Amino acid sequence: MSSPSVQVQPQASGGAKGVTSSQSGTTSPSFDIVRCSRCQRSLSIENESSRDAVRFGMNSYYCTRCASMVGFVR
């Protein structure tokens, strides 16, 4: 018994990156939502630099509270 194949089409817009306002044609700031690797708190980072998140590896972040607890200093 074979299952039918499913094709997924990518969405044209949406998500948290580069949301464009259709009324004025301007682009709001691009941001990503990441999670702290220790406490799992959701963090918002903008343009790879943020005061709320400390990056310690590829796609690995600490919130400032957990970064100070583990001794990670920027």
N, C-alpha and C. Protein backbone atom coordinates (compact mmCIF):
# COMPACT_ATOMS: atom_id res chain seq x y z
N MET A 1 0.84 -1.17 0.00
CA MET A 1 0.00 0.00 0.00
C MET A 1 0.89 1.24 0.00
N SER A 2 0.72 2.09 -0.95
CA SER A 2 1.54 3.29 -1.02
C SER A 2 0.72 4.51 -0.62
N SER A 3 1.37 5.43 0.07
CA SER A 3 0.68 6.64 0.49
C SER A 3 0.82 7.71 -0.59
N PRO A 4 -0.15 8.58 -0.72
CA PRO A 4 -0.08 9.63 -1.74
C PRO A 4 1.05 10.61 -1.41
N SER A 5 1.67 11.15 -2.43
CA SER A 5 2.76 12.10 -2.20
C SER A 5 2.16 13.47 -1.89
N VAL A 6 2.85 14.19 -1.04
CA VAL A 6 2.41 15.51 -0.62
C VAL A 6 3.48 16.50 -1.01
N GLN A 7 3.08 17.58 -1.66
CA GLN A 7 4.01 18.64 -2.03
C GLN A 7 3.69 19.88 -1.20
N VAL A 8 4.72 20.44 -0.59
CA VAL A 8 4.54 21.62 0.24
C VAL A 8 5.06 22.82 -0.52
N GLN A 9 4.23 23.84 -0.65
CA GLN A 9 4.62 25.07 -1.32
C GLN A 9 5.07 26.09 -0.29
N PRO A 10 6.23 26.75 -0.49
CA PRO A 10 6.68 27.76 0.47
C PRO A 10 5.75 28.96 0.45
N GLN A 11 5.58 29.55 1.63
CA GLN A 11 4.72 30.73 1.74
C GLN A 11 5.46 31.95 1.23
N ALA A 12 4.74 32.83 0.59
CA ALA A 12 5.34 34.02 0.00
C ALA A 12 5.81 35.01 1.05
N SER A 13 5.07 35.15 2.13
CA SER A 13 5.47 36.09 3.18
C SER A 13 4.96 35.59 4.51
N GLY A 14 5.36 36.29 5.55
CA GLY A 14 4.93 35.91 6.88
C GLY A 14 6.12 35.56 7.73
N GLY A 15 5.86 35.11 8.93
CA GLY A 15 6.95 34.78 9.84
C GLY A 15 7.47 36.04 10.51
N ALA A 16 8.59 35.92 11.18
CA ALA A 16 9.11 37.04 11.95
C ALA A 16 10.16 37.84 11.19
N LYS A 17 10.61 37.37 10.06
CA LYS A 17 11.68 38.06 9.35
C LYS A 17 11.12 38.97 8.26
N GLY A 18 11.56 40.20 8.22
CA GLY A 18 11.29 41.12 7.13
C GLY A 18 9.83 41.31 6.79
N VAL A 19 9.01 41.59 7.78
CA VAL A 19 7.60 41.79 7.53
C VAL A 19 7.44 43.13 6.84
N THR A 20 6.74 43.14 5.71
CA THR A 20 6.58 44.36 4.92
C THR A 20 5.17 44.90 5.07
N SER A 21 5.07 46.16 5.31
CA SER A 21 3.78 46.82 5.39
C SER A 21 3.30 47.13 3.99
N SER A 22 2.11 46.68 3.64
CA SER A 22 1.62 46.88 2.28
C SER A 22 1.12 48.30 2.07
N GLN A 23 0.79 49.01 3.15
CA GLN A 23 0.26 50.36 3.00
C GLN A 23 1.35 51.35 2.65
N SER A 24 2.46 51.34 3.36
CA SER A 24 3.49 52.35 3.13
C SER A 24 4.67 51.82 2.32
N GLY A 25 4.80 50.50 2.18
CA GLY A 25 5.89 49.93 1.41
C GLY A 25 7.20 49.88 2.17
N THR A 26 7.18 50.18 3.47
CA THR A 26 8.40 50.14 4.25
C THR A 26 8.54 48.78 4.92
N THR A 27 9.77 48.45 5.28
CA THR A 27 10.04 47.18 5.93
C THR A 27 10.35 47.42 7.40
N SER A 28 9.69 46.71 8.27
CA SER A 28 9.97 46.83 9.69
C SER A 28 11.29 46.11 9.99
N PRO A 29 11.90 46.38 11.12
CA PRO A 29 13.17 45.72 11.44
C PRO A 29 13.04 44.20 11.44
N SER A 30 14.08 43.55 10.99
CA SER A 30 14.09 42.10 10.94
C SER A 30 14.57 41.57 12.29
N PHE A 31 13.87 40.58 12.83
CA PHE A 31 14.26 40.01 14.11
C PHE A 31 13.99 38.52 14.12
N ASP A 32 14.68 37.82 15.00
CA ASP A 32 14.52 36.38 15.18
C ASP A 32 14.14 36.10 16.62
N ILE A 33 13.40 35.04 16.83
CA ILE A 33 13.06 34.59 18.17
C ILE A 33 13.90 33.35 18.45
N VAL A 34 14.69 33.40 19.51
CA VAL A 34 15.54 32.27 19.91
C VAL A 34 15.22 31.92 21.36
N ARG A 35 15.73 30.78 21.81
CA ARG A 35 15.53 30.35 23.19
C ARG A 35 16.86 30.25 23.90
N CYS A 36 16.86 30.61 25.17
CA CYS A 36 18.03 30.45 26.01
C CYS A 36 18.31 28.96 26.14
N SER A 37 19.55 28.57 25.97
CA SER A 37 19.92 27.15 26.03
C SER A 37 19.82 26.58 27.44
N ARG A 38 19.77 27.43 28.44
CA ARG A 38 19.73 26.95 29.83
C ARG A 38 18.32 26.98 30.42
N CYS A 39 17.64 28.13 30.36
CA CYS A 39 16.33 28.25 31.01
C CYS A 39 15.16 28.20 30.02
N GLN A 40 15.44 28.16 28.74
CA GLN A 40 14.44 28.07 27.67
C GLN A 40 13.56 29.30 27.56
N ARG A 41 14.00 30.43 28.07
CA ARG A 41 13.27 31.68 27.94
C ARG A 41 13.35 32.16 26.49
N SER A 42 12.24 32.64 25.95
CA SER A 42 12.22 33.16 24.58
C SER A 42 12.89 34.52 24.55
N LEU A 43 13.77 34.71 23.57
CA LEU A 43 14.50 35.97 23.41
C LEU A 43 14.32 36.48 22.00
N SER A 44 14.26 37.76 21.85
CA SER A 44 14.17 38.38 20.53
C SER A 44 15.52 39.00 20.21
N ILE A 45 16.10 38.63 19.07
CA ILE A 45 17.37 39.22 18.67
C ILE A 45 17.17 39.94 17.35
N GLU A 46 17.89 41.03 17.18
CA GLU A 46 17.77 41.85 16.00
C GLU A 46 19.15 42.08 15.40
N ASN A 47 19.33 41.72 14.14
CA ASN A 47 20.58 41.96 13.42
C ASN A 47 21.80 41.35 14.09
N GLU A 48 21.68 40.12 14.60
CA GLU A 48 22.78 39.37 15.21
C GLU A 48 23.39 40.04 16.43
N SER A 49 22.81 41.12 16.93
CA SER A 49 23.32 41.72 18.16
C SER A 49 22.13 42.16 19.01
N SER A 50 22.20 41.81 20.26
CA SER A 50 21.11 42.15 21.17
C SER A 50 21.64 42.22 22.58
N ARG A 51 21.03 43.09 23.38
CA ARG A 51 21.42 43.19 24.78
C ARG A 51 20.80 42.07 25.61
N ASP A 52 19.73 41.45 25.11
CA ASP A 52 19.02 40.43 25.86
C ASP A 52 19.61 39.03 25.68
N ALA A 53 20.34 38.80 24.60
CA ALA A 53 20.85 37.47 24.29
C ALA A 53 22.36 37.50 24.12
N VAL A 54 23.03 36.48 24.64
CA VAL A 54 24.47 36.33 24.51
C VAL A 54 24.72 35.08 23.67
N ARG A 55 25.33 35.26 22.50
CA ARG A 55 25.60 34.13 21.62
C ARG A 55 26.90 33.46 22.04
N PHE A 56 26.85 32.14 22.23
CA PHE A 56 28.07 31.42 22.61
C PHE A 56 28.42 30.31 21.64
N GLY A 57 27.71 30.18 20.58
CA GLY A 57 27.99 29.19 19.55
C GLY A 57 27.04 29.37 18.39
N MET A 58 27.17 28.51 17.41
CA MET A 58 26.29 28.59 16.26
C MET A 58 24.87 28.20 16.69
N ASN A 59 23.93 29.15 16.57
CA ASN A 59 22.54 28.96 16.97
C ASN A 59 22.40 28.58 18.45
N SER A 60 23.30 29.07 19.27
CA SER A 60 23.26 28.81 20.71
C SER A 60 23.33 30.14 21.45
N TYR A 61 22.36 30.35 22.33
CA TYR A 61 22.24 31.62 23.04
C TYR A 61 21.95 31.39 24.50
N TYR A 62 22.42 32.34 25.34
CA TYR A 62 22.04 32.43 26.74
C TYR A 62 21.32 33.76 26.92
N CYS A 63 20.34 33.81 27.82
CA CYS A 63 19.82 35.10 28.24
C CYS A 63 20.90 35.73 29.13
N THR A 64 20.82 37.01 29.37
CA THR A 64 21.87 37.67 30.15
C THR A 64 21.94 37.12 31.56
N ARG A 65 20.81 36.71 32.12
CA ARG A 65 20.80 36.14 33.47
C ARG A 65 21.57 34.84 33.52
N CYS A 66 21.30 33.92 32.58
CA CYS A 66 22.00 32.63 32.57
C CYS A 66 23.46 32.80 32.18
N ALA A 67 23.77 33.74 31.31
CA ALA A 67 25.16 33.98 30.92
C ALA A 67 25.99 34.40 32.12
N SER A 68 25.42 35.23 32.97
CA SER A 68 26.18 35.63 34.16
C SER A 68 26.27 34.48 35.17
N MET A 69 25.25 33.63 35.24
CA MET A 69 25.29 32.49 36.17
C MET A 69 26.38 31.47 35.81
N VAL A 70 26.58 31.24 34.51
CA VAL A 70 27.59 30.26 34.10
C VAL A 70 28.96 30.89 33.91
N GLY A 71 29.06 32.20 34.09
CA GLY A 71 30.35 32.87 34.00
C GLY A 71 30.75 33.27 32.59
N PHE A 72 29.79 33.31 31.69
CA PHE A 72 30.08 33.73 30.32
C PHE A 72 29.97 35.23 30.23
N VAL A 73 31.08 35.88 29.93
CA VAL A 73 31.11 37.34 29.87
C VAL A 73 31.40 37.73 28.43
N ARG A 74 30.67 38.70 27.92
CA ARG A 74 30.89 39.18 26.55
C ARG A 74 32.22 39.86 26.42
